[in-house]
Amino acid sequence: MTNISSQTHAISINPANGEQIGHYPFESEAALQAALNRGSGGFAAWRKTPVTERAQAMIALAKALRDNAATMANMITQEMGKPITQARGEIEKCAQLCEWYAEHG
């Protein structure tokens, strides 16, 4: 069994009660480099994607944010200690920004 510490894992703590919510192992240097390479490759493809397709992706993202708002708001509240009403507002703001960029981007 792996020892879990702040040296080996990102540890998520609920600020309201100090309880550990989860822990996530740090990636190896090789895994990090592979992720960076995938990101670079994704950007190279995305920049060639027509604006209309990009806009549709942003609209789909806004819908996904709204469809999953309750789950994400609860996560924000647990992980950041933000009041649930503010967490819901943050998700709605993100959805509205996606729609704004879809229209104006």
N, C-alpha and C. Protein backbone atom coordinates (compact mmCIF):
# COMPACT_ATOMS: atom_id res chain seq x y z
N MET A 1 0.85 -1.18 0.00
CA MET A 1 0.00 0.00 0.00
C MET A 1 0.89 1.24 0.00
N THR A 2 0.55 2.20 -0.82
CA THR A 2 1.33 3.42 -0.95
C THR A 2 1.05 4.36 0.22
N ASN A 3 2.11 4.94 0.76
CA ASN A 3 1.92 5.97 1.78
C ASN A 3 1.43 7.23 1.10
N ILE A 4 0.46 7.87 1.71
CA ILE A 4 -0.12 9.08 1.14
C ILE A 4 0.34 10.26 1.98
N SER A 5 1.00 11.20 1.31
CA SER A 5 1.44 12.42 1.99
C SER A 5 1.40 13.56 0.98
N SER A 6 1.59 14.76 1.46
CA SER A 6 1.61 15.91 0.55
C SER A 6 2.83 15.89 -0.35
N GLN A 7 3.77 15.01 -0.07
CA GLN A 7 4.95 14.87 -0.93
C GLN A 7 4.66 13.96 -2.12
N THR A 8 3.65 13.09 -1.99
CA THR A 8 3.35 12.12 -3.04
C THR A 8 1.99 12.32 -3.70
N HIS A 9 1.11 13.08 -3.04
CA HIS A 9 -0.26 13.23 -3.50
C HIS A 9 -0.77 14.66 -3.30
N ALA A 10 -1.67 15.06 -4.19
CA ALA A 10 -2.46 16.25 -3.93
C ALA A 10 -3.59 15.78 -3.03
N ILE A 11 -3.76 16.43 -1.89
CA ILE A 11 -4.77 16.01 -0.92
C ILE A 11 -5.84 17.09 -0.85
N SER A 12 -7.08 16.68 -1.09
CA SER A 12 -8.21 17.61 -1.07
C SER A 12 -8.85 17.57 0.31
N ILE A 13 -8.94 18.75 0.93
CA ILE A 13 -9.48 18.89 2.29
C ILE A 13 -10.70 19.80 2.25
N ASN A 14 -11.77 19.37 2.88
CA ASN A 14 -12.96 20.21 3.03
C ASN A 14 -12.62 21.31 4.04
N PRO A 15 -12.61 22.59 3.61
CA PRO A 15 -12.22 23.66 4.53
C PRO A 15 -13.22 23.90 5.66
N ALA A 16 -14.44 23.43 5.49
CA ALA A 16 -15.46 23.64 6.51
C ALA A 16 -15.26 22.75 7.74
N ASN A 17 -14.75 21.53 7.49
CA ASN A 17 -14.62 20.60 8.62
C ASN A 17 -13.26 19.92 8.73
N GLY A 18 -12.36 20.23 7.79
CA GLY A 18 -11.01 19.68 7.84
C GLY A 18 -10.89 18.24 7.40
N GLU A 19 -11.98 17.62 6.97
CA GLU A 19 -11.94 16.23 6.55
C GLU A 19 -11.32 16.09 5.16
N GLN A 20 -10.56 14.99 4.98
CA GLN A 20 -9.99 14.70 3.68
C GLN A 20 -11.10 14.19 2.76
N ILE A 21 -11.22 14.81 1.59
CA ILE A 21 -12.23 14.43 0.60
C ILE A 21 -11.66 13.36 -0.33
N GLY A 22 -10.41 13.55 -0.70
CA GLY A 22 -9.77 12.64 -1.63
C GLY A 22 -8.29 12.91 -1.70
N HIS A 23 -7.61 12.05 -2.46
CA HIS A 23 -6.18 12.25 -2.70
C HIS A 23 -5.85 11.74 -4.10
N TYR A 24 -4.91 12.41 -4.72
CA TYR A 24 -4.61 12.16 -6.13
C TYR A 24 -3.10 12.10 -6.30
N PRO A 25 -2.57 10.96 -6.75
CA PRO A 25 -1.11 10.85 -6.86
C PRO A 25 -0.55 11.80 -7.90
N PHE A 26 0.63 12.33 -7.60
CA PHE A 26 1.32 13.17 -8.56
C PHE A 26 1.77 12.31 -9.74
N GLU A 27 1.77 12.90 -10.91
CA GLU A 27 2.21 12.19 -12.11
C GLU A 27 3.74 12.12 -12.18
N SER A 28 4.21 11.14 -12.89
CA SER A 28 5.65 11.04 -13.13
C SER A 28 6.04 12.09 -14.17
N GLU A 29 7.32 12.35 -14.27
CA GLU A 29 7.82 13.30 -15.27
C GLU A 29 7.42 12.84 -16.68
N ALA A 30 7.50 11.54 -16.95
CA ALA A 30 7.15 11.00 -18.27
C ALA A 30 5.66 11.19 -18.56
N ALA A 31 4.81 10.93 -17.57
CA ALA A 31 3.37 11.09 -17.76
C ALA A 31 3.03 12.56 -17.98
N LEU A 32 3.69 13.45 -17.25
CA LEU A 32 3.46 14.88 -17.43
C LEU A 32 3.87 15.30 -18.83
N GLN A 33 5.01 14.85 -19.30
CA GLN A 33 5.47 15.21 -20.64
C GLN A 33 4.51 14.68 -21.70
N ALA A 34 4.00 13.47 -21.51
CA ALA A 34 3.05 12.89 -22.46
C ALA A 34 1.77 13.74 -22.51
N ALA A 35 1.29 14.20 -21.36
CA ALA A 35 0.10 15.05 -21.31
C ALA A 35 0.35 16.37 -22.02
N LEU A 36 1.53 16.96 -21.81
CA LEU A 36 1.87 18.21 -22.49
C LEU A 36 1.92 18.01 -24.00
N ASN A 37 2.46 16.89 -24.44
CA ASN A 37 2.53 16.59 -25.87
C ASN A 37 1.14 16.42 -26.46
N ARG A 38 0.24 15.75 -25.73
CA ARG A 38 -1.14 15.60 -26.20
C ARG A 38 -1.81 16.97 -26.30
N GLY A 39 -1.54 17.83 -25.32
CA GLY A 39 -2.11 19.18 -25.35
C GLY A 39 -1.63 19.97 -26.56
N SER A 40 -0.36 19.88 -26.86
CA SER A 40 0.19 20.57 -28.04
C SER A 40 -0.44 20.04 -29.32
N GLY A 41 -0.58 18.73 -29.40
CA GLY A 41 -1.20 18.12 -30.58
C GLY A 41 -2.66 18.53 -30.71
N GLY A 42 -3.36 18.57 -29.59
CA GLY A 42 -4.75 18.98 -29.61
C GLY A 42 -4.90 20.41 -30.07
N PHE A 43 -4.01 21.29 -29.61
CA PHE A 43 -4.07 22.69 -30.03
C PHE A 43 -3.83 22.80 -31.53
N ALA A 44 -2.88 22.05 -32.04
CA ALA A 44 -2.58 22.10 -33.48
C ALA A 44 -3.82 21.73 -34.30
N ALA A 45 -4.57 20.74 -33.84
CA ALA A 45 -5.79 20.35 -34.56
C ALA A 45 -6.91 21.37 -34.34
N TRP A 46 -7.06 21.82 -33.10
CA TRP A 46 -8.15 22.74 -32.75
C TRP A 46 -8.04 24.06 -33.51
N ARG A 47 -6.83 24.55 -33.70
CA ARG A 47 -6.67 25.83 -34.38
C ARG A 47 -7.11 25.77 -35.84
N LYS A 48 -7.18 24.56 -36.40
CA LYS A 48 -7.63 24.40 -37.78
C LYS A 48 -9.14 24.12 -37.86
N THR A 49 -9.78 23.99 -36.71
CA THR A 49 -11.21 23.70 -36.66
C THR A 49 -11.99 24.97 -37.02
N PRO A 50 -12.96 24.85 -37.92
CA PRO A 50 -13.74 26.04 -38.30
C PRO A 50 -14.43 26.67 -37.08
N VAL A 51 -14.58 27.97 -37.14
CA VAL A 51 -15.18 28.72 -36.03
C VAL A 51 -16.58 28.21 -35.72
N THR A 52 -17.34 27.83 -36.72
CA THR A 52 -18.70 27.33 -36.46
C THR A 52 -18.67 26.06 -35.62
N GLU A 53 -17.71 25.19 -35.88
CA GLU A 53 -17.58 23.97 -35.06
C GLU A 53 -17.13 24.30 -33.64
N ARG A 54 -16.23 25.25 -33.53
CA ARG A 54 -15.78 25.67 -32.20
C ARG A 54 -16.96 26.24 -31.40
N ALA A 55 -17.78 27.04 -32.07
CA ALA A 55 -18.94 27.64 -31.41
C ALA A 55 -19.89 26.55 -30.93
N GLN A 56 -20.10 25.53 -31.74
CA GLN A 56 -20.98 24.42 -31.33
C GLN A 56 -20.40 23.69 -30.12
N ALA A 57 -19.09 23.56 -30.06
CA ALA A 57 -18.45 22.93 -28.90
C ALA A 57 -18.67 23.76 -27.65
N MET A 58 -18.60 25.08 -27.78
CA MET A 58 -18.82 25.96 -26.63
C MET A 58 -20.27 25.89 -26.15
N ILE A 59 -21.20 25.80 -27.09
CA ILE A 59 -22.61 25.66 -26.73
C ILE A 59 -22.84 24.33 -26.02
N ALA A 60 -22.20 23.27 -26.52
CA ALA A 60 -22.32 21.95 -25.87
C ALA A 60 -21.72 21.99 -24.46
N LEU A 61 -20.63 22.72 -24.31
CA LEU A 61 -20.02 22.85 -22.98
C LEU A 61 -20.95 23.58 -22.02
N ALA A 62 -21.59 24.64 -22.49
CA ALA A 62 -22.56 25.38 -21.66
C ALA A 62 -23.68 24.45 -21.21
N LYS A 63 -24.17 23.61 -22.12
CA LYS A 63 -25.23 22.67 -21.78
C LYS A 63 -24.73 21.65 -20.76
N ALA A 64 -23.53 21.14 -20.95
CA ALA A 64 -22.98 20.16 -20.01
C ALA A 64 -22.81 20.77 -18.62
N LEU A 65 -22.37 22.03 -18.57
CA LEU A 65 -22.25 22.70 -17.27
C LEU A 65 -23.60 22.77 -16.58
N ARG A 66 -24.61 23.17 -17.31
CA ARG A 66 -25.95 23.29 -16.71
C ARG A 66 -26.52 21.93 -16.33
N ASP A 67 -26.30 20.93 -17.20
CA ASP A 67 -26.82 19.58 -16.92
C ASP A 67 -26.19 18.97 -15.67
N ASN A 68 -24.97 19.37 -15.35
CA ASN A 68 -24.23 18.80 -14.22
C ASN A 68 -24.03 19.81 -13.10
N ALA A 69 -24.81 20.87 -13.11
CA ALA A 69 -24.61 21.97 -12.16
C ALA A 69 -24.73 21.54 -10.71
N ALA A 70 -25.68 20.69 -10.39
CA ALA A 70 -25.87 20.29 -8.98
C ALA A 70 -24.64 19.54 -8.47
N THR A 71 -24.14 18.61 -9.24
CA THR A 71 -22.96 17.84 -8.84
C THR A 71 -21.75 18.74 -8.70
N MET A 72 -21.55 19.61 -9.69
CA MET A 72 -20.38 20.49 -9.65
C MET A 72 -20.48 21.51 -8.53
N ALA A 73 -21.67 22.04 -8.27
CA ALA A 73 -21.84 23.00 -7.19
C ALA A 73 -21.52 22.35 -5.84
N ASN A 74 -21.98 21.13 -5.66
CA ASN A 74 -21.65 20.40 -4.42
C ASN A 74 -20.15 20.20 -4.28
N MET A 75 -19.49 19.88 -5.38
CA MET A 75 -18.03 19.68 -5.35
C MET A 75 -17.32 20.98 -5.00
N ILE A 76 -17.73 22.07 -5.61
CA ILE A 76 -17.13 23.38 -5.32
C ILE A 76 -17.30 23.72 -3.84
N THR A 77 -18.49 23.48 -3.32
CA THR A 77 -18.77 23.78 -1.91
C THR A 77 -17.90 22.93 -0.99
N GLN A 78 -17.79 21.65 -1.30
CA GLN A 78 -16.96 20.77 -0.48
C GLN A 78 -15.49 21.13 -0.55
N GLU A 79 -14.99 21.36 -1.76
CA GLU A 79 -13.55 21.56 -1.94
C GLU A 79 -13.09 22.97 -1.61
N MET A 80 -13.96 23.97 -1.78
CA MET A 80 -13.54 25.35 -1.58
C MET A 80 -14.22 26.04 -0.41
N GLY A 81 -15.27 25.43 0.11
CA GLY A 81 -16.00 26.06 1.20
C GLY A 81 -16.90 27.19 0.75
N LYS A 82 -17.12 27.29 -0.56
CA LYS A 82 -17.97 28.35 -1.10
C LYS A 82 -19.43 28.01 -0.82
N PRO A 83 -20.23 28.98 -0.41
CA PRO A 83 -21.66 28.70 -0.20
C PRO A 83 -22.29 28.14 -1.47
N ILE A 84 -23.22 27.22 -1.32
CA ILE A 84 -23.82 26.52 -2.46
C ILE A 84 -24.46 27.47 -3.45
N THR A 85 -25.08 28.55 -2.98
CA THR A 85 -25.70 29.49 -3.92
C THR A 85 -24.64 30.18 -4.78
N GLN A 86 -23.50 30.49 -4.19
CA GLN A 86 -22.41 31.09 -4.96
C GLN A 86 -21.82 30.07 -5.93
N ALA A 87 -21.72 28.82 -5.51
CA ALA A 87 -21.19 27.78 -6.39
C ALA A 87 -22.09 27.60 -7.61
N ARG A 88 -23.39 27.58 -7.38
CA ARG A 88 -24.33 27.48 -8.51
C ARG A 88 -24.19 28.68 -9.44
N GLY A 89 -24.04 29.87 -8.86
CA GLY A 89 -23.87 31.08 -9.65
C GLY A 89 -22.59 31.03 -10.47
N GLU A 90 -21.53 30.47 -9.91
CA GLU A 90 -20.26 30.36 -10.63
C GLU A 90 -20.41 29.46 -11.86
N ILE A 91 -21.12 28.37 -11.70
CA ILE A 91 -21.33 27.45 -12.83
C ILE A 91 -22.18 28.12 -13.90
N GLU A 92 -23.22 28.83 -13.50
CA GLU A 92 -24.05 29.54 -14.48
C GLU A 92 -23.25 30.62 -15.20
N LYS A 93 -22.40 31.31 -14.48
CA LYS A 93 -21.55 32.33 -15.11
C LYS A 93 -20.65 31.68 -16.16
N CYS A 94 -20.08 30.53 -15.85
CA CYS A 94 -19.23 29.82 -16.81
C CYS A 94 -20.03 29.42 -18.05
N ALA A 95 -21.26 28.93 -17.84
CA ALA A 95 -22.11 28.55 -18.97
C ALA A 95 -22.42 29.77 -19.85
N GLN A 96 -22.72 30.90 -19.21
CA GLN A 96 -23.00 32.12 -19.97
C GLN A 96 -21.77 32.58 -20.75
N LEU A 97 -20.60 32.46 -20.15
CA LEU A 97 -19.38 32.83 -20.87
C LEU A 97 -19.16 31.94 -22.08
N CYS A 98 -19.43 30.65 -21.94
CA CYS A 98 -19.31 29.75 -23.09
C CYS A 98 -20.21 30.20 -24.22
N GLU A 99 -21.44 30.56 -23.87
CA GLU A 99 -22.38 31.03 -24.89
C GLU A 99 -21.94 32.36 -25.49
N TRP A 100 -21.38 33.24 -24.68
CA TRP A 100 -20.91 34.52 -25.18
C TRP A 100 -19.78 34.29 -26.20
N TYR A 101 -18.83 33.42 -25.84
CA TYR A 101 -17.72 33.13 -26.77
C TYR A 101 -18.22 32.43 -28.01
N ALA A 102 -19.23 31.59 -27.89
CA ALA A 102 -19.79 30.93 -29.07
C ALA A 102 -20.37 31.96 -30.04
N GLU A 103 -20.96 32.99 -29.48
CA GLU A 103 -21.58 34.02 -30.32
C GLU A 103 -20.57 35.05 -30.83
N HIS A 104 -19.60 35.41 -29.99
CA HIS A 104 -18.70 36.51 -30.34
C HIS A 104 -17.27 36.08 -30.68
N GLY A 105 -16.96 34.82 -30.43
CA GLY A 105 -15.58 34.37 -30.60
C GLY A 105 -15.18 34.27 -32.03
